[in-house]
Protein backbone atom coordinates (compact mmCIF):
# COMPACT_ATOMS: atom_id res chain seq x y z
CA MET A 1 19.62 -66.96 17.96
CA THR A 2 17.33 -67.32 20.85
CA ASP A 3 13.96 -66.20 20.78
CA SER A 4 13.35 -63.88 23.80
CA ARG A 5 9.31 -64.63 23.90
CA PRO A 6 8.08 -66.55 26.63
CA ASP A 7 7.08 -69.59 25.62
CA ASN A 8 3.29 -68.96 26.37
CA ALA A 9 3.27 -65.59 24.47
CA PRO A 10 0.76 -65.15 21.80
CA GLU A 11 1.55 -64.96 18.37
CA GLU A 12 -0.01 -61.16 17.97
CA ASP A 13 2.31 -59.71 20.63
CA PHE A 14 5.22 -60.31 18.24
CA ALA A 15 3.77 -56.97 16.20
CA THR A 16 3.95 -55.25 19.88
CA LEU A 17 7.23 -56.29 20.36
CA TRP A 18 8.44 -55.16 16.90
CA GLU A 19 6.73 -51.52 17.78
CA HIS A 20 8.77 -51.32 21.22
CA MET A 21 11.99 -52.27 18.97
CA GLY A 22 11.10 -49.27 16.73
CA GLU A 23 10.70 -46.86 19.65
CA GLU A 24 14.15 -48.19 21.38
CA PHE A 25 15.89 -47.64 17.58
CA ASP A 26 14.21 -44.70 16.89
CA TYR A 27 12.57 -46.24 13.95
CA VAL A 28 9.19 -44.72 12.71
CA GLU A 29 6.98 -46.36 10.06
CA PRO A 30 6.04 -44.18 7.06
CA LYS A 31 2.42 -42.95 6.87
CA ARG A 32 0.82 -40.85 4.15
CA GLY A 33 1.70 -36.90 4.68
CA ASP A 34 4.92 -37.65 6.29
CA ILE A 35 8.17 -35.48 4.89
CA ARG A 36 11.10 -37.34 4.66
CA GLU A 37 14.67 -36.44 3.74
CA GLY A 38 16.38 -39.27 1.62
CA GLU A 39 19.27 -40.02 -0.35
CA VAL A 40 18.76 -40.86 -4.12
CA LEU A 41 20.21 -44.52 -4.44
CA SER A 42 19.47 -45.14 -8.34
CA VAL A 43 18.18 -43.87 -11.45
CA HIS A 44 16.86 -45.83 -14.04
CA PRO A 45 14.54 -44.81 -16.77
CA GLY A 46 10.98 -44.42 -15.28
CA GLU A 47 12.34 -45.46 -11.81
CA VAL A 48 14.18 -43.59 -8.87
CA LEU A 49 14.65 -45.10 -5.78
CA VAL A 50 15.21 -42.86 -2.53
CA ASP A 51 16.62 -44.38 0.93
CA ILE A 52 14.29 -42.61 3.48
CA GLY A 53 15.52 -44.61 6.51
CA VAL A 54 12.86 -47.01 6.59
CA LYS A 55 13.02 -51.32 5.73
CA GLN A 56 12.28 -50.49 2.08
CA ASP A 57 13.51 -48.24 -0.39
CA ALA A 58 10.98 -45.34 -1.49
CA LEU A 59 10.16 -45.31 -5.08
CA ILE A 60 9.14 -41.65 -6.75
CA ALA A 61 5.80 -41.82 -8.41
CA PRO A 62 6.26 -42.98 -11.93
CA ARG A 63 3.89 -40.46 -13.15
CA GLU A 64 5.61 -37.68 -11.52
CA LEU A 65 9.04 -38.53 -13.15
CA GLN A 66 7.19 -38.50 -16.47
CA GLN A 67 6.18 -34.85 -16.02
CA MET A 68 9.37 -33.49 -15.04
CA SER A 69 11.25 -31.48 -17.10
CA PRO A 70 14.92 -32.49 -18.21
CA GLU A 71 16.45 -29.88 -16.13
CA GLU A 72 14.87 -31.34 -12.97
CA LEU A 73 15.40 -34.90 -14.14
CA VAL A 74 19.49 -33.81 -14.29
CA LYS A 75 19.20 -32.41 -10.38
CA LEU A 76 18.24 -36.42 -9.47
CA GLN A 77 21.67 -37.82 -9.77
CA VAL A 78 22.85 -40.96 -7.12
CA GLY A 79 24.01 -39.21 -3.77
CA ALA A 80 21.51 -36.16 -4.00
CA ARG A 81 19.70 -35.34 -0.76
CA VAL A 82 16.01 -34.69 -1.48
CA TYR A 83 12.72 -34.10 0.35
CA VAL A 84 10.04 -36.44 -0.44
CA TYR A 85 6.31 -36.54 0.35
CA VAL A 86 4.90 -39.99 1.33
CA MET A 87 2.11 -40.89 -0.72
CA HIS A 88 1.19 -44.39 0.24
CA LEU A 89 2.66 -47.73 0.32
CA ASP A 90 2.84 -49.89 -2.57
CA ARG A 91 0.34 -52.83 -1.93
CA ALA A 92 2.05 -55.65 -3.62
CA THR A 93 5.49 -54.81 -2.05
CA GLY A 94 4.95 -51.99 0.83
CA ALA A 95 7.54 -49.65 -0.56
CA PRO A 96 7.11 -45.94 -0.11
CA ILE A 97 5.19 -44.44 -3.19
CA VAL A 98 6.76 -40.81 -2.55
CA SER A 99 6.60 -37.69 -4.27
CA LEU A 100 9.16 -34.69 -4.57
CA GLN A 101 6.71 -32.24 -5.85
CA LEU A 102 4.37 -32.33 -3.02
CA ALA A 103 7.17 -32.29 -0.59
CA GLN A 104 8.34 -28.97 -2.00
CA GLU A 105 4.54 -27.77 -1.81
CA TYR A 106 4.40 -28.76 1.81
CA GLU A 107 7.43 -26.98 2.25
CA GLU A 108 5.56 -23.67 0.42
CA TRP A 109 2.57 -24.35 2.43
CA GLN A 110 4.40 -24.12 5.56
CA HIS A 111 6.27 -21.03 4.46
CA ALA A 112 3.13 -19.34 3.71
CA HIS A 113 1.87 -20.02 7.10
CA GLU A 114 4.96 -18.61 8.44
CA LEU A 115 4.47 -15.50 6.35
CA VAL A 116 0.83 -14.85 7.73
CA GLU A 117 2.79 -14.88 11.35
CA SER A 118 5.72 -13.07 10.34
CA GLY A 119 4.16 -10.21 8.03
CA ASP A 120 7.13 -10.21 5.94
CA VAL A 121 6.95 -9.02 2.19
CA VAL A 122 7.89 -11.28 -0.73
CA LYS A 123 7.88 -10.83 -4.23
CA VAL A 124 5.75 -13.02 -7.05
CA LYS A 125 5.78 -12.83 -10.64
CA VAL A 126 2.11 -12.38 -11.93
CA THR A 127 1.65 -15.45 -14.62
CA GLY A 128 -2.21 -14.68 -15.52
CA PHE A 129 -5.43 -13.21 -14.41
CA ASN A 130 -9.15 -13.94 -14.27
CA LYS A 131 -12.14 -11.74 -13.67
CA GLY A 132 -11.77 -11.28 -9.95
CA GLY A 133 -7.60 -10.59 -9.95
CA ALA A 134 -4.18 -11.63 -10.98
CA LEU A 135 -2.51 -14.71 -10.19
CA GLY A 136 1.00 -15.08 -8.96
CA ALA A 137 3.40 -17.72 -8.75
CA PHE A 138 4.41 -18.51 -5.02
CA GLY A 139 7.23 -21.27 -5.89
CA SER A 140 5.26 -23.91 -7.21
CA LEU A 141 1.89 -22.58 -5.69
CA GLN A 142 -0.37 -20.40 -7.46
CA GLY A 143 -1.25 -17.57 -5.20
CA PHE A 144 -4.53 -15.13 -5.93
CA ILE A 145 -4.20 -11.26 -5.79
CA PRO A 146 -7.93 -9.77 -5.66
CA ALA A 147 -8.17 -6.93 -8.01
CA SER A 148 -8.95 -4.92 -4.92
CA GLN A 149 -5.60 -5.63 -3.41
CA ILE A 150 -3.57 -4.59 -6.25
CA VAL A 151 -2.34 -0.72 -6.37
CA ASP A 152 -2.51 0.25 -9.78
CA LEU A 153 -6.09 -0.83 -10.39
CA ARG A 154 -8.65 1.88 -9.55
CA ARG A 155 -12.26 0.87 -8.63
CA GLY A 156 -15.36 1.26 -10.02
CA ARG A 157 -13.76 0.15 -13.50
CA SER A 158 -15.95 -1.63 -16.16
CA GLN A 159 -15.53 -5.32 -16.33
CA ASP A 160 -13.70 -4.90 -19.96
CA ALA A 161 -11.77 -2.07 -18.39
CA GLN A 162 -10.72 -4.07 -15.29
CA ALA A 163 -9.65 -6.89 -17.57
CA ASP A 164 -7.38 -4.64 -19.76
CA ALA A 165 -5.91 -3.29 -16.63
CA LEU A 166 -5.28 -6.77 -15.26
CA ALA A 167 -3.87 -7.82 -18.68
CA GLU A 168 -1.24 -5.20 -18.12
CA VAL A 169 0.08 -6.65 -14.77
CA VAL A 170 1.02 -9.87 -16.33
CA GLY A 171 4.43 -10.48 -16.50
CA ARG A 172 5.00 -7.63 -13.45
CA GLU A 173 7.03 -8.51 -10.31
CA LEU A 174 4.92 -7.39 -7.25
CA ALA A 175 5.73 -7.32 -3.52
CA VAL A 176 3.01 -8.75 -1.75
CA LYS A 177 1.95 -10.11 1.73
CA VAL A 178 0.38 -13.26 2.43
CA ILE A 179 -2.87 -12.37 3.87
CA GLU A 180 -4.87 -15.74 3.90
CA VAL A 181 -3.34 -19.45 3.74
CA ASN A 182 -6.12 -22.50 3.56
CA ARG A 183 -3.81 -25.79 2.61
CA ARG A 184 -6.82 -27.85 2.29
CA ARG A 185 -8.71 -25.72 0.11
CA ARG A 186 -5.68 -24.81 -2.02
CA ARG A 187 -6.44 -21.12 -1.06
CA LEU A 188 -3.30 -18.86 -1.06
CA ILE A 189 -4.36 -15.01 -1.14
CA LEU A 190 -1.88 -12.40 -1.67
CA SER A 191 -2.08 -8.46 -1.08
CA GLU A 192 -0.18 -5.71 -2.46
CA ARG A 193 -1.90 -3.27 -1.10
CA ALA A 194 -0.78 -4.54 2.45
CA ALA A 195 2.87 -4.78 1.10
CA ARG A 196 2.78 -1.16 0.10
CA ARG A 197 1.41 -0.36 3.47
CA GLU A 198 4.04 -2.62 5.43
CA HIS A 199 6.88 -0.68 3.16
CA ARG A 200 5.57 2.83 3.87
CA ALA A 201 5.50 2.19 7.53
CA GLN A 202 9.04 0.99 7.76
CA GLN A 203 9.95 4.08 5.22
CA ARG A 204 8.12 6.37 7.69
CA GLU A 205 9.85 5.32 10.74
CA GLN A 206 13.27 5.82 8.87
CA LEU A 207 12.19 9.47 7.37
CA LEU A 208 11.16 10.25 10.99
CA GLU A 209 14.43 9.77 12.34
CA GLU A 210 16.46 11.37 9.32
CA LEU A 211 14.27 14.55 9.11
CA GLU A 212 15.39 17.79 11.05
CA GLU A 213 14.20 21.30 10.63
CA GLY A 214 15.51 23.64 7.89
CA GLN A 215 16.69 20.76 5.42
CA VAL A 216 15.52 20.68 1.85
CA ARG A 217 14.08 17.45 0.63
CA THR A 218 12.67 16.58 -2.80
CA GLY A 219 9.03 15.29 -2.89
CA VAL A 220 5.59 14.74 -4.87
CA VAL A 221 2.32 16.44 -4.45
CA SER A 222 -0.07 13.72 -3.50
CA ASN A 223 -3.17 15.77 -2.51
CA LEU A 224 -4.45 19.04 -2.47
CA VAL A 225 -6.91 20.47 0.02
CA ASP A 226 -8.50 24.17 0.93
CA PHE A 227 -5.95 24.44 3.61
CA GLY A 228 -2.69 23.53 1.70
CA ALA A 229 -0.87 20.73 -0.13
CA PHE A 230 0.37 17.18 0.73
CA VAL A 231 3.80 16.20 -0.25
CA ASP A 232 4.86 12.57 -0.42
CA LEU A 233 8.37 12.65 0.90
CA GLY A 234 8.87 9.02 0.30
CA GLY A 235 7.70 7.05 3.05
CA MET A 236 4.97 9.67 4.32
CA ASP A 237 3.17 12.80 3.56
CA GLY A 238 4.10 16.33 5.02
CA LEU A 239 1.61 19.42 4.91
CA VAL A 240 2.71 22.66 3.27
CA HIS A 241 -0.17 24.98 4.68
CA LEU A 242 -1.29 27.74 2.41
CA SER A 243 0.30 30.21 4.21
CA GLU A 244 3.46 28.51 2.95
CA LEU A 245 2.91 27.78 -0.53
CA SER A 246 4.03 31.57 -1.94
CA TRP A 247 5.36 34.66 -0.63
CA GLY A 248 2.31 36.26 -2.34
CA ARG A 249 -1.41 36.01 -1.34
CA VAL A 250 -2.90 32.43 -2.27
CA ASN A 251 -6.66 31.66 -2.08
CA HIS A 252 -6.35 27.83 -3.04
CA PRO A 253 -3.16 25.45 -3.79
CA GLY A 254 -4.32 24.97 -7.27
CA GLU A 255 -3.01 28.31 -8.13
CA VAL A 256 0.46 27.16 -7.24
CA LEU A 257 0.62 23.58 -7.62
CA SER A 258 -0.81 20.35 -9.32
CA VAL A 259 -1.34 16.89 -7.84
CA GLY A 260 1.83 14.89 -9.21
CA ASP A 261 4.53 18.00 -9.48
CA GLU A 262 7.82 17.48 -7.90
CA ILE A 263 9.13 19.99 -5.92
CA GLU A 264 11.68 20.79 -3.27
CA VAL A 265 10.24 21.95 0.40
CA MET A 266 11.82 22.95 3.40
CA VAL A 267 11.01 21.48 6.60
CA LEU A 268 9.44 23.37 9.43
CA ASN A 269 8.93 21.10 12.06
CA VAL A 270 8.69 17.28 12.61
CA ASP A 271 6.28 15.89 15.43
CA ARG A 272 7.26 12.46 15.70
CA GLU A 273 4.76 11.09 18.43
CA ARG A 274 1.79 12.20 15.94
CA GLN A 275 3.66 11.60 13.08
CA ARG A 276 3.35 15.18 11.38
CA VAL A 277 5.92 17.09 9.19
CA GLY A 278 5.16 20.95 8.36
CA LEU A 279 6.73 21.80 5.13
CA SER A 280 7.19 25.31 3.34
CA TYR A 281 7.37 25.32 -0.34
CA LYS A 282 7.95 29.51 -0.63
CA ARG A 283 11.03 28.97 1.77
CA THR A 284 12.81 27.44 -1.10
CA GLN A 285 12.11 30.26 -3.52
CA PRO A 286 13.95 33.68 -3.37
CA ASP A 287 12.35 35.80 -0.77
CA PRO A 288 10.76 39.10 -2.83
CA TRP A 289 11.13 41.15 0.64
CA ALA A 290 14.91 40.83 0.79
CA ASP A 291 15.43 43.76 -1.43
CA VAL A 292 12.30 45.74 -0.60
CA GLU A 293 13.91 48.45 1.03
CA SER A 294 15.87 49.09 -1.88
CA SER A 295 12.88 49.25 -4.37
CA TYR A 296 10.47 51.12 -1.99
CA GLN A 297 10.85 54.44 -0.06
CA PRO A 298 8.56 56.23 1.86
CA GLU A 299 6.91 59.52 -0.26
CA GLN A 300 7.38 57.10 -3.53
CA LEU A 301 4.63 56.42 -5.98
CA VAL A 302 4.29 52.87 -6.82
CA VAL A 303 1.08 51.09 -8.86
CA GLY A 304 -0.47 48.09 -7.17
CA THR A 305 -3.50 45.69 -7.78
CA VAL A 306 -5.83 45.30 -4.88
CA THR A 307 -6.07 41.52 -3.87
CA HIS A 308 -8.04 41.59 -1.20
CA VAL A 309 -10.65 43.63 0.79
CA VAL A 310 -11.04 43.69 4.44
CA ASP A 311 -12.93 45.77 6.95
CA PHE A 312 -9.89 47.35 7.79
CA GLY A 313 -8.63 48.40 4.30
CA ALA A 314 -7.46 46.80 1.34
CA PHE A 315 -4.14 44.56 0.57
CA VAL A 316 -2.32 45.82 -2.73
CA GLU A 317 0.13 43.77 -4.61
CA LEU A 318 2.81 46.02 -5.89
CA GLU A 319 4.82 42.77 -7.24
CA PRO A 320 4.47 38.74 -6.95
CA GLY A 321 4.93 38.11 -3.49
CA VAL A 322 5.22 41.76 -2.11
CA GLU A 323 1.73 43.24 -0.69
CA GLY A 324 1.08 46.28 0.99
CA LEU A 325 -1.87 47.73 3.29
CA VAL A 326 -4.21 50.58 2.18
CA HIS A 327 -5.50 51.29 5.88
CA ILE A 328 -9.35 52.14 5.51
CA SER A 329 -8.34 55.62 7.06
CA GLU A 330 -5.77 56.20 3.58
CA LEU A 331 -8.51 55.24 1.63
CA GLU A 332 -10.01 58.38 0.78
CA GLU A 333 -10.24 62.01 2.59
CA GLY A 334 -12.61 61.90 5.65
CA GLN A 335 -14.22 58.86 7.16
CA VAL A 336 -14.96 55.95 5.23
CA ALA A 337 -17.19 53.17 7.00
CA ASP A 338 -16.65 50.69 4.30
CA ALA A 339 -13.57 49.85 2.30
CA SER A 340 -15.42 47.95 -0.72
CA ARG A 341 -17.54 51.12 -1.24
CA VAL A 342 -13.97 52.74 -2.38
CA VAL A 343 -11.92 49.94 -4.14
CA SER A 344 -12.55 46.33 -5.31
CA GLU A 345 -10.54 43.49 -5.56
CA GLY A 346 -8.72 43.51 -9.18
CA ASP A 347 -8.48 47.80 -9.16
CA VAL A 348 -5.11 48.87 -10.18
CA LEU A 349 -4.33 51.79 -8.44
CA GLN A 350 -1.68 54.55 -8.13
CA LEU A 351 -0.43 54.70 -4.25
CA LEU A 352 1.71 56.64 -1.99
CA VAL A 353 4.51 54.69 -0.07
CA LEU A 354 4.08 55.79 3.61
CA SER A 355 6.53 53.34 5.58
CA VAL A 356 8.29 50.03 5.12
CA ASP A 357 9.47 47.42 7.19
CA ALA A 358 11.07 44.35 5.27
CA GLU A 359 11.78 42.72 8.40
CA ARG A 360 7.78 42.33 9.57
CA HIS A 361 6.79 42.26 5.52
CA ARG A 362 4.79 45.45 5.96
CA ILE A 363 4.35 48.24 3.27
CA SER A 364 1.88 50.91 4.33
CA LEU A 365 0.21 52.66 1.57
CA SER A 366 -2.11 55.70 0.86
CA LEU A 367 -4.55 56.08 -1.70
CA SER A 368 -5.95 59.63 -0.39
CA GLN A 369 -2.46 61.05 -0.49
CA ALA A 370 -1.43 60.19 -4.06
CA PRO A 371 -2.37 62.48 -6.84
CA ASP A 372 -5.19 61.58 -9.13
CA GLN A 373 -5.16 58.47 -10.88
CA PRO A 374 -3.51 58.72 -14.72
CA ASP A 375 -5.67 57.43 -17.57
CA ASP A 376 -2.78 55.01 -18.64
CA LEU A 377 -2.33 53.37 -15.09
CA GLU A 378 -3.30 49.95 -16.43
CA SER A 379 0.28 50.04 -18.47
CA MET A 380 1.93 51.01 -14.96
CA GLU A 381 2.09 47.54 -13.56
CA SER A 382 5.97 47.94 -11.73
CA PRO A 383 7.93 50.03 -9.68
CA GLU A 384 9.99 50.86 -12.57
CA ASP A 385 7.03 52.43 -14.37
CA THR A 386 6.30 54.92 -11.53
CA PRO A 387 8.28 58.01 -10.46
CA GLU A 388 11.21 57.29 -8.32
CA GLY A 389 11.96 58.67 -5.26
CA PRO A 390 9.61 60.89 -3.06
CA ILE A 391 7.57 63.12 -4.56
CA ASP A 392 6.56 67.19 -4.41
CA GLN A 393 3.12 67.27 -2.61
CA GLU A 394 2.43 70.59 -3.97
CA GLU A 395 3.08 69.15 -7.70
CA ALA A 396 0.92 66.19 -6.72
CA GLU A 397 -1.99 68.68 -5.76
CA GLN A 398 -1.64 70.51 -9.13
């Protein structure tokens, strides 16, 4: 074979020529940190050779082979395709010493970085815990879930209580998002709360597309406030206003519902732009006003309980969900300046029905035109207990 080097070419230029030849034939010398795909050439006790496309076959680190399980060793068959991580070159032979485990870890670190960018949710199994949080298996890597990022852990617990709560999480599979990756420091931080927020955001979008006025949905009461109750519909909360909790008068939602109650609600309105949903609880219940006109007629005597005293009169509950108004002019004969001087909340009264408007949910009542209050009025609590039909005014006056 003819030497192509010029006669006067120095010996040290041969390395340069070899490098140029490597570039021409796409040959790249292996170096620490390279990830190479290879093929298993031979398998012997304590020695596995892999062809990774370089001048010398690579040798899987003997210590790693000793630590592998029988199931993992079985997979190392001649002809199997594997990824390896180049650790270093053997000083004596120059053969690359490679690691299957580090290659897998490298791919998993890369995957973790991709998950930070994409925001995708993955599942991990909790394998243990320490005082700061839980440990989760992310492939062969160990991720850390801070206690503040675990949904079921309440803040403000004592150390012992938190340790007990973390112990209960061990063995569970959690949906998490990767929120921080630092391969050099082997830092992999996961968050169940962030995953839950992501999941609810997706559910919210889907729910807003599906909701329509008039639908009846099942939800769980998530919070009670002075002006109503919030109900989790499975992705977002809707509001049941105080006026939509019951057909009767309600001063606070706690009188009707409790947090955690599973209830049916009717969708009243959907504001997709502002992501708000108005709900009604009372409209899933029978409307007591539907049969009011057959139960109450003008000039009928009824018994009711004063529920609210206002400047212009008093509201009286005749039955659950049905209230009538005694206007201030009908409280007693003559001019009344202050309704509270005549009646008080909780008073049980016998009243005369003046008019009934079921469509507008209104019943007008009179105390001044009713006969004297009977002694056993406390026991007369329903229309059935009162005289039916119109009364004779002369009899009432006697």
